[in-house]
Amino acid sequence: MTPDEYCRDKAAKSGSSFYYSFMFLPKQQQQAIIALYAFCREVDDVVDETSDIDVARTQLNWWRQEITRTFQGEPSHPVGKALLEARQNVDLHEAYFEEIIDGMEMDLEQHHYPDFKQLTLYCHRAASVVGLLSVEIFGYQNRNTLKYAENLGMALQLTNIIRDVREDAERGRIYLPQDELQQFGVDVHDLMDLKSSPELIACLKFQAERAQQYYQQAMQALPDEDRYTQRTGLIMAAIYQATLNEIEKEGFNVMAQRTSLTPVRKLWIAWRTARNEKRLHKQRG
């Protein structure tokens, strides 16, 4: 199995919405973004699948070393080798990969967030930095596109947090800011016991409104001249916003079930968004 085949297999098996957004890219960009996504999956799996914190921290340190080796031209892992190939075509920044690992380490060390400011740092490292790397892969002309990437990363991560409240609680993690849980009168013990409540639903509605604001800010920041090159991110935004809308339609019943779109619906949204962006691109000339 080649490094690219390894990364593609890793991405496909994840079942993530990200994979559907990669289908409409040119070959070189597709190779690079799948390599980036495979890296994110590798370090995320370390945190989610390793019960011993010391072992997980050792594994993350190994990935730090692998990133150093990759940027020195001597990777040992298939993902590192795929990233090395991607670097021949794209200016990827080593510091961003370090920040992604920093975000994963936060999951090992911090299971609660006192306020939104601290959660913002986590969202930046776990999602916005991935967005900034993605922007480099897709290409841009206007630096406002970096603001788009930052805001979209926040929106996507907040959507994940709302969707995964139960799953995260089962792992002993609460990403909803503690001061806001108190503000809405949410009993943290009930949350850890996987119980829903009107107070929790009210808090989740507040979080959803915040996520929608970040989606709006992202779209407002994206310059017209970069919309078409950034269509993969727009596909992701469309899929994730559809997921957030479904959660709202279901009354934020996230403690009873995990809301997800069917593969067919994700593919439809991806195709429709790509088609619309192509049409707009042609109209702009």
Protein backbone atom coordinates (compact mmCIF):
# COMPACT_ATOMS: atom_id res chain seq x y z
CA MET A 1 0.00 0.00 0.00
CA THR A 2 1.43 3.37 -1.02
CA PRO A 3 1.39 6.36 1.37
CA ASP A 4 -1.42 7.95 -0.65
CA GLU A 5 -3.44 4.72 -0.61
CA TYR A 6 -2.95 4.50 3.16
CA CYS A 7 -4.22 8.06 3.63
CA ARG A 8 -7.17 7.56 1.30
CA ASP A 9 -8.13 4.39 3.15
CA LYS A 10 -7.86 6.20 6.49
CA ALA A 11 -10.10 9.00 5.23
CA ALA A 12 -12.68 6.69 3.65
CA LYS A 13 -13.01 4.46 6.72
CA SER A 14 -13.63 7.42 9.01
CA GLY A 15 -17.04 8.05 7.44
CA SER A 16 -16.50 11.76 7.98
CA SER A 17 -18.25 14.49 6.06
CA PHE A 18 -14.83 15.78 5.07
CA TYR A 19 -14.33 12.94 2.61
CA TYR A 20 -17.35 14.02 0.53
CA SER A 21 -15.92 17.49 0.09
CA PHE A 22 -12.66 16.15 -1.39
CA MET A 23 -14.28 14.52 -4.42
CA PHE A 24 -14.43 17.65 -6.56
CA LEU A 25 -10.77 18.66 -6.29
CA PRO A 26 -7.92 18.43 -8.81
CA LYS A 27 -5.56 15.49 -8.23
CA GLN A 28 -2.72 17.38 -6.51
CA GLN A 29 -5.02 19.25 -4.15
CA GLN A 30 -6.93 16.06 -3.39
CA GLN A 31 -3.69 14.27 -2.51
CA ALA A 32 -2.61 17.06 -0.19
CA ILE A 33 -5.92 17.51 1.63
CA ILE A 34 -6.37 13.76 2.14
CA ALA A 35 -2.83 13.57 3.57
CA LEU A 36 -3.68 16.43 5.94
CA TYR A 37 -6.96 14.79 6.93
CA ALA A 38 -5.22 11.44 7.54
CA PHE A 39 -2.75 13.19 9.84
CA CYS A 40 -5.64 14.74 11.80
CA ARG A 41 -7.29 11.32 12.09
CA GLU A 42 -4.07 9.73 13.34
CA VAL A 43 -3.51 12.20 16.18
CA ASP A 44 -7.21 12.36 17.03
CA ASP A 45 -7.36 8.56 17.28
CA VAL A 46 -4.46 8.66 19.74
CA VAL A 47 -6.60 10.68 22.13
CA ASP A 48 -9.90 8.88 21.56
CA GLU A 49 -8.65 5.29 21.44
CA THR A 50 -5.80 5.24 24.00
CA SER A 51 -7.03 4.86 27.58
CA ASP A 52 -3.61 5.34 29.23
CA ILE A 53 -2.83 9.07 29.25
CA ASP A 54 0.93 8.52 29.49
CA VAL A 55 0.86 6.20 26.48
CA ALA A 56 -1.23 8.72 24.54
CA ARG A 57 1.16 11.53 25.41
CA THR A 58 4.10 9.38 24.27
CA GLN A 59 2.33 8.69 20.98
CA LEU A 60 1.63 12.38 20.42
CA ASN A 61 5.29 13.15 21.11
CA TRP A 62 6.18 10.57 18.47
CA TRP A 63 3.97 12.44 16.00
CA ARG A 64 5.75 15.69 16.89
CA GLN A 65 9.01 13.98 15.98
CA GLU A 66 7.46 12.61 12.80
CA ILE A 67 6.41 16.12 11.74
CA THR A 68 9.98 17.31 12.35
CA ARG A 69 11.28 14.41 10.26
CA THR A 70 8.73 15.17 7.54
CA PHE A 71 9.81 18.80 7.26
CA GLN A 72 13.43 17.64 7.21
CA GLY A 73 12.57 15.33 4.31
CA GLU A 74 12.90 12.06 6.25
CA PRO A 75 9.42 10.83 7.32
CA SER A 76 8.93 7.23 8.44
CA HIS A 77 5.13 6.94 8.56
CA PRO A 78 2.92 6.66 5.45
CA VAL A 79 1.11 9.86 6.46
CA GLY A 80 4.40 11.69 6.84
CA LYS A 81 5.50 10.45 3.43
CA ALA A 82 2.22 11.64 1.89
CA LEU A 83 2.64 15.04 3.54
CA LEU A 84 6.18 15.24 2.18
CA GLU A 85 4.78 14.69 -1.31
CA ALA A 86 2.13 17.36 -0.70
CA ARG A 87 4.84 19.84 0.34
CA GLN A 88 6.29 19.64 -3.15
CA ASN A 89 3.18 21.42 -4.42
CA VAL A 90 1.92 23.39 -1.39
CA ASP A 91 3.54 25.66 1.20
CA LEU A 92 2.46 23.90 4.39
CA HIS A 93 3.59 25.42 7.69
CA GLU A 94 5.22 23.14 10.25
CA ALA A 95 3.97 25.27 13.16
CA TYR A 96 0.35 24.56 12.20
CA PHE A 97 0.90 20.81 12.58
CA GLU A 98 2.43 21.45 16.00
CA GLU A 99 -0.66 23.44 16.96
CA ILE A 100 -2.95 20.59 15.92
CA ILE A 101 -1.02 18.26 18.22
CA ASP A 102 -1.24 20.92 20.96
CA GLY A 103 -5.02 20.75 20.55
CA MET A 104 -5.00 16.98 20.95
CA GLU A 105 -2.88 17.33 24.11
CA MET A 106 -5.51 19.67 25.52
CA ASP A 107 -7.94 16.73 25.29
CA LEU A 108 -5.59 14.71 27.48
CA GLU A 109 -5.08 17.41 30.07
CA GLN A 110 -8.32 19.39 30.12
CA HIS A 111 -11.77 17.78 30.27
CA HIS A 112 -13.69 20.94 31.17
CA TYR A 113 -13.56 24.55 29.94
CA PRO A 114 -14.30 27.33 32.42
CA ASP A 115 -15.41 29.83 29.77
CA PHE A 116 -15.74 30.38 26.04
CA LYS A 117 -12.38 32.14 25.81
CA GLN A 118 -10.56 28.97 26.80
CA LEU A 119 -12.78 26.86 24.54
CA THR A 120 -11.91 29.21 21.67
CA LEU A 121 -8.22 28.29 22.02
CA TYR A 122 -9.10 24.61 21.78
CA CYS A 123 -11.33 25.19 18.73
CA HIS A 124 -8.57 27.20 17.07
CA ARG A 125 -6.02 24.41 17.52
CA ALA A 126 -8.36 21.55 16.72
CA ALA A 127 -10.20 23.06 13.75
CA SER A 128 -9.26 26.58 12.65
CA VAL A 129 -5.61 25.64 12.12
CA VAL A 130 -6.76 22.78 9.88
CA GLY A 131 -8.78 25.38 7.97
CA LEU A 132 -5.72 27.60 7.55
CA LEU A 133 -3.72 24.66 6.17
CA SER A 134 -6.61 23.81 3.86
CA VAL A 135 -6.68 27.37 2.52
CA GLU A 136 -3.00 27.02 1.61
CA ILE A 137 -3.75 23.78 -0.23
CA PHE A 138 -6.67 25.23 -2.20
CA GLY A 139 -4.95 28.55 -2.90
CA TYR A 140 -6.13 32.12 -2.31
CA GLN A 141 -5.53 35.67 -3.51
CA ASN A 142 -7.03 37.75 -0.70
CA ARG A 143 -5.77 37.49 2.89
CA ASN A 144 -9.34 37.91 4.15
CA THR A 145 -9.71 34.27 3.16
CA LEU A 146 -7.63 33.44 6.24
CA LYS A 147 -10.33 35.11 8.39
CA TYR A 148 -12.88 32.95 6.60
CA ALA A 149 -10.87 29.84 7.49
CA GLU A 150 -10.60 30.85 11.16
CA ASN A 151 -14.34 31.50 11.49
CA LEU A 152 -15.36 28.40 9.55
CA GLY A 153 -13.13 26.25 11.74
CA MET A 154 -14.85 27.66 14.82
CA ALA A 155 -18.29 27.00 13.32
CA LEU A 156 -17.46 23.41 12.39
CA GLN A 157 -15.95 22.63 15.80
CA LEU A 158 -18.88 24.15 17.68
CA THR A 159 -21.23 22.04 15.56
CA ASN A 160 -19.21 18.96 16.51
CA ILE A 161 -19.41 19.90 20.18
CA ILE A 162 -23.21 20.25 20.04
CA ARG A 163 -23.63 17.01 18.11
CA ASP A 164 -21.26 15.00 20.32
CA VAL A 165 -22.35 16.09 23.82
CA ARG A 166 -23.33 12.55 24.80
CA GLU A 167 -20.30 10.86 23.23
CA ASP A 168 -17.95 13.35 24.90
CA ALA A 169 -19.67 12.94 28.29
CA GLU A 170 -19.19 9.18 28.01
CA ARG A 171 -15.46 9.92 27.72
CA GLY A 172 -15.60 12.23 30.73
CA ARG A 173 -15.33 15.42 28.68
CA ILE A 174 -17.57 18.48 28.70
CA TYR A 175 -16.75 21.10 26.07
CA LEU A 176 -19.71 23.35 26.85
CA PRO A 177 -18.25 26.29 28.85
CA GLN A 178 -18.85 25.81 32.57
CA ASP A 179 -19.92 29.40 33.19
CA GLU A 180 -22.58 29.05 30.49
CA LEU A 181 -23.79 25.74 31.94
CA GLN A 182 -24.24 27.58 35.23
CA GLN A 183 -25.92 30.49 33.45
CA PHE A 184 -28.59 28.15 32.04
CA GLY A 185 -28.88 26.10 35.22
CA VAL A 186 -27.55 22.86 33.75
CA ASP A 187 -26.72 20.21 36.35
CA VAL A 188 -23.29 18.89 35.38
CA HIS A 189 -23.96 15.62 37.21
CA ASP A 190 -27.03 15.05 35.02
CA LEU A 191 -24.92 15.79 31.98
CA MET A 192 -22.31 13.22 33.00
CA ASP A 193 -25.15 10.76 33.68
CA LEU A 194 -26.27 11.35 30.07
CA LYS A 195 -29.56 12.93 31.09
CA SER A 196 -31.21 15.67 29.06
CA SER A 197 -33.16 18.57 30.54
CA PRO A 198 -34.91 21.77 29.45
CA GLU A 199 -31.93 23.67 30.83
CA LEU A 200 -29.49 21.70 28.67
CA ILE A 201 -31.64 22.20 25.58
CA ALA A 202 -31.72 25.97 26.23
CA CYS A 203 -27.93 25.97 26.57
CA LEU A 204 -27.53 24.00 23.33
CA LYS A 205 -29.81 26.44 21.50
CA PHE A 206 -27.49 29.22 22.65
CA GLN A 207 -24.47 27.28 21.38
CA ALA A 208 -26.20 26.67 18.04
CA GLU A 209 -26.90 30.39 17.61
CA ARG A 210 -23.22 31.06 18.28
CA ALA A 211 -22.19 28.45 15.70
CA GLN A 212 -24.54 30.01 13.13
CA GLN A 213 -22.95 33.39 13.79
CA TYR A 214 -19.53 31.93 13.00
CA TYR A 215 -20.86 30.41 9.77
CA GLN A 216 -22.22 33.84 8.84
CA GLN A 217 -18.94 35.58 9.73
CA ALA A 218 -17.02 33.03 7.64
CA MET A 219 -19.18 33.61 4.57
CA GLN A 220 -18.96 37.39 4.98
CA ALA A 221 -15.15 37.23 5.21
CA LEU A 222 -14.70 35.06 2.10
CA PRO A 223 -13.83 37.32 -0.88
CA ASP A 224 -15.61 36.64 -4.17
CA GLU A 225 -12.33 36.03 -5.98
CA ASP A 226 -11.51 33.10 -3.67
CA ARG A 227 -14.93 31.45 -3.44
CA TYR A 228 -14.35 28.93 -6.20
CA THR A 229 -10.91 27.83 -5.01
CA GLN A 230 -12.36 27.42 -1.50
CA ARG A 231 -15.40 25.43 -2.64
CA THR A 232 -14.31 22.40 -0.59
CA GLY A 233 -14.72 24.43 2.60
CA LEU A 234 -18.09 25.66 1.35
CA ILE A 235 -19.15 22.05 0.85
CA MET A 236 -18.10 21.30 4.42
CA ALA A 237 -20.02 24.31 5.68
CA ALA A 238 -23.16 23.19 3.82
CA ILE A 239 -22.97 19.63 5.20
CA TYR A 240 -22.30 20.77 8.76
CA GLN A 241 -24.99 23.45 8.69
CA ALA A 242 -27.45 20.83 7.45
CA THR A 243 -26.44 18.65 10.39
CA LEU A 244 -26.91 21.54 12.82
CA ASN A 245 -30.33 22.26 11.31
CA GLU A 246 -31.31 18.61 11.80
CA ILE A 247 -30.24 18.79 15.45
CA GLU A 248 -32.44 21.86 15.88
CA LYS A 249 -35.40 20.15 14.13
CA GLU A 250 -35.01 17.19 16.50
CA GLY A 251 -35.23 19.51 19.50
CA PHE A 252 -31.56 19.14 20.47
CA ASN A 253 -32.21 15.56 21.50
CA VAL A 254 -28.47 14.87 21.46
CA MET A 255 -28.44 12.86 24.68
CA ALA A 256 -30.72 10.24 23.15
CA GLN A 257 -29.13 9.92 19.71
CA ARG A 258 -26.29 11.17 17.54
CA THR A 259 -27.62 13.16 14.62
CA SER A 260 -25.91 12.43 11.31
CA LEU A 261 -26.77 12.77 7.64
CA THR A 262 -26.95 9.76 5.37
CA PRO A 263 -24.08 9.26 2.88
CA VAL A 264 -26.53 9.88 0.02
CA ARG A 265 -27.60 13.22 1.49
CA LYS A 266 -24.00 14.26 2.12
CA LEU A 267 -23.12 13.41 -1.47
CA TRP A 268 -26.15 15.35 -2.72
CA ILE A 269 -25.18 18.43 -0.69
CA ALA A 270 -21.59 18.17 -1.90
CA TRP A 271 -22.64 17.88 -5.55
CA ARG A 272 -25.20 20.68 -5.29
CA THR A 273 -22.75 23.04 -3.57
CA ALA A 274 -19.97 22.28 -6.06
CA ARG A 275 -22.38 22.84 -8.96
CA ASN A 276 -23.60 26.16 -7.55
CA GLU A 277 -20.06 27.42 -6.96
CA LYS A 278 -19.06 26.44 -10.50
CA ARG A 279 -22.06 28.34 -11.88
CA LEU A 280 -21.23 31.44 -9.83
CA HIS A 281 -17.60 31.23 -10.94
CA LYS A 282 -18.62 31.21 -14.58
CA GLN A 283 -20.94 34.17 -14.04
CA ARG A 284 -18.10 36.19 -12.55
CA GLY A 285 -16.02 35.41 -15.62
